[in-house]
Protein backbone atom coordinates (compact mmCIF):
# COMPACT_ATOMS: atom_id res chain seq x y z
CA UNK A 1 -2.17 -3.00 14.06
CA UNK A 2 -0.96 -0.15 11.87
CA UNK A 3 -3.47 0.41 9.04
CA UNK A 4 -2.41 2.52 6.07
CA UNK A 5 -4.24 3.63 2.96
CA UNK A 6 -2.32 5.58 0.33
CA UNK A 7 -3.31 7.05 -3.03
CA UNK A 8 -0.74 7.10 -5.81
CA UNK A 9 -1.40 9.31 -8.84
CA UNK A 10 0.67 7.75 -11.60
CA UNK A 11 1.70 9.57 -14.78
CA UNK A 12 -0.74 8.53 -17.53
CA UNK A 13 1.96 6.98 -19.69
CA UNK A 14 2.90 4.62 -16.82
CA UNK A 15 -0.53 3.87 -15.34
CA UNK A 16 -1.10 0.55 -17.11
CA UNK A 17 2.35 -0.68 -16.14
CA UNK A 18 2.19 0.41 -12.49
CA UNK A 19 1.64 -3.11 -11.07
CA UNK A 20 4.84 -4.26 -12.78
CA UNK A 21 6.72 -1.07 -11.85
CA UNK A 22 5.88 -1.60 -8.17
CA UNK A 23 6.17 -5.42 -8.26
CA UNK A 24 9.55 -5.80 -6.54
CA UNK A 25 8.51 -3.45 -3.73
CA UNK A 26 5.17 -5.21 -3.40
CA UNK A 27 6.68 -8.70 -3.22
CA UNK A 28 9.39 -7.67 -0.76
CA UNK A 29 6.89 -5.93 1.52
CA UNK A 30 4.48 -8.85 1.46
CA UNK A 31 7.30 -11.14 2.61
CA UNK A 32 8.07 -9.02 5.70
CA UNK A 33 7.20 -10.99 8.86
CA UNK A 34 5.12 -8.09 10.25
CA UNK A 35 3.14 -7.37 7.09
CA UNK A 36 -0.50 -8.44 7.39
CA UNK A 37 -1.46 -7.32 3.88
CA UNK A 38 -0.26 -5.05 1.08
CA UNK A 39 -2.89 -4.74 -1.66
CA UNK A 40 -3.13 -2.47 -4.70
CA UNK A 41 -6.39 -1.46 -6.41
CA UNK A 42 -6.98 0.78 -9.37
CA UNK A 43 -9.50 3.59 -9.01
CA UNK A 44 -12.76 3.20 -10.91
CA UNK A 45 -12.98 6.99 -11.27
CA UNK A 46 -9.42 7.81 -12.32
CA UNK A 47 -7.43 5.16 -14.25
CA UNK A 48 -4.19 6.93 -13.26
CA UNK A 49 -4.82 6.49 -9.53
CA UNK A 50 -3.89 3.41 -7.53
CA UNK A 51 -4.95 2.87 -3.94
CA UNK A 52 -2.71 0.87 -1.62
CA UNK A 53 -4.24 -0.74 1.45
CA UNK A 54 -1.63 -2.09 3.81
CA UNK A 55 -1.38 -3.24 7.40
CA UNK A 56 1.42 -4.17 9.76
CA UNK A 57 1.21 -6.17 12.97
CA UNK A 58 2.31 -3.25 15.19
CA UNK A 59 4.48 -0.15 15.36
CA UNK A 60 7.67 -2.20 15.38
CA UNK A 61 6.64 -3.95 12.16
CA UNK A 62 5.75 -0.60 10.59
CA UNK A 63 9.12 0.83 11.60
CA UNK A 64 10.92 -2.21 10.20
CA UNK A 65 9.06 -1.66 6.92
CA UNK A 66 10.14 1.97 6.48
CA UNK A 67 13.70 1.10 7.51
CA UNK A 68 14.01 -1.80 5.06
CA UNK A 69 16.30 -1.81 2.04
CA UNK A 70 13.36 -2.37 -0.30
CA UNK A 71 11.51 0.65 1.12
CA UNK A 72 14.58 2.83 0.56
CA UNK A 73 14.90 1.43 -2.96
CA UNK A 74 11.23 2.23 -3.64
CA UNK A 75 11.79 5.80 -2.46
CA UNK A 76 14.28 6.15 -5.31
CA UNK A 77 12.60 3.98 -7.94
CA UNK A 78 8.89 4.91 -7.76
CA UNK A 79 8.67 8.75 -7.67
CA UNK A 80 9.74 9.31 -11.31
CA UNK A 81 6.58 7.42 -12.36
CA UNK A 82 4.27 9.55 -10.20
CA UNK A 83 2.38 12.70 -11.15
CA UNK A 84 2.08 13.88 -7.52
CA UNK A 85 3.25 13.04 -4.02
CA UNK A 86 1.14 10.17 -2.69
CA UNK A 87 -1.53 10.93 -0.08
CA UNK A 88 -1.77 8.74 3.00
CA UNK A 89 -3.90 7.94 6.02
CA UNK A 90 -2.00 6.06 8.72
CA UNK A 91 -3.72 4.96 11.93
CA UNK A 92 -3.23 2.46 14.71
CA UNK A 93 -6.29 0.31 15.36
CA UNK A 94 -7.01 -2.14 18.13
CA UNK A 95 -7.56 -5.27 16.07
CA UNK A 96 -5.46 -7.75 14.14
CA UNK A 97 -7.38 -8.28 10.92
CA UNK A 98 -10.52 -7.53 8.99
CA UNK A 99 -13.92 -7.44 10.72
CA UNK A 100 -17.15 -8.38 8.98
CA UNK A 101 -19.38 -5.57 7.72
CA UNK A 102 -22.47 -6.57 9.66
CA UNK A 103 -24.70 -4.09 7.83
CA UNK A 104 -24.26 -6.17 4.66
CA UNK A 105 -24.18 -9.64 6.16
CA UNK A 106 -24.55 -12.46 3.69
CA UNK A 107 -26.60 -15.35 4.99
């Protein structure tokens, strides 16, 4: 799978509204057949930073995502709300979902 984590630094005046600002993009991406998950979290250390954790079935699904109409629309719609260019880590991993964190197993 393609596993991506991105950090979005949102302008302070838009930080509280970011989930709504990104809602159309989020919903459209989650409905892609190759999307495994697309989840936003807000940083505990910086209220203007959102972290996006996303995964796609494979390289073809990732390519379909970045070639989609909603991705192109997000490229136009989202940057005016950002304070900086998002940072990203993008890797291919040999698994198809989450593994358990054995070091903190709950029994």
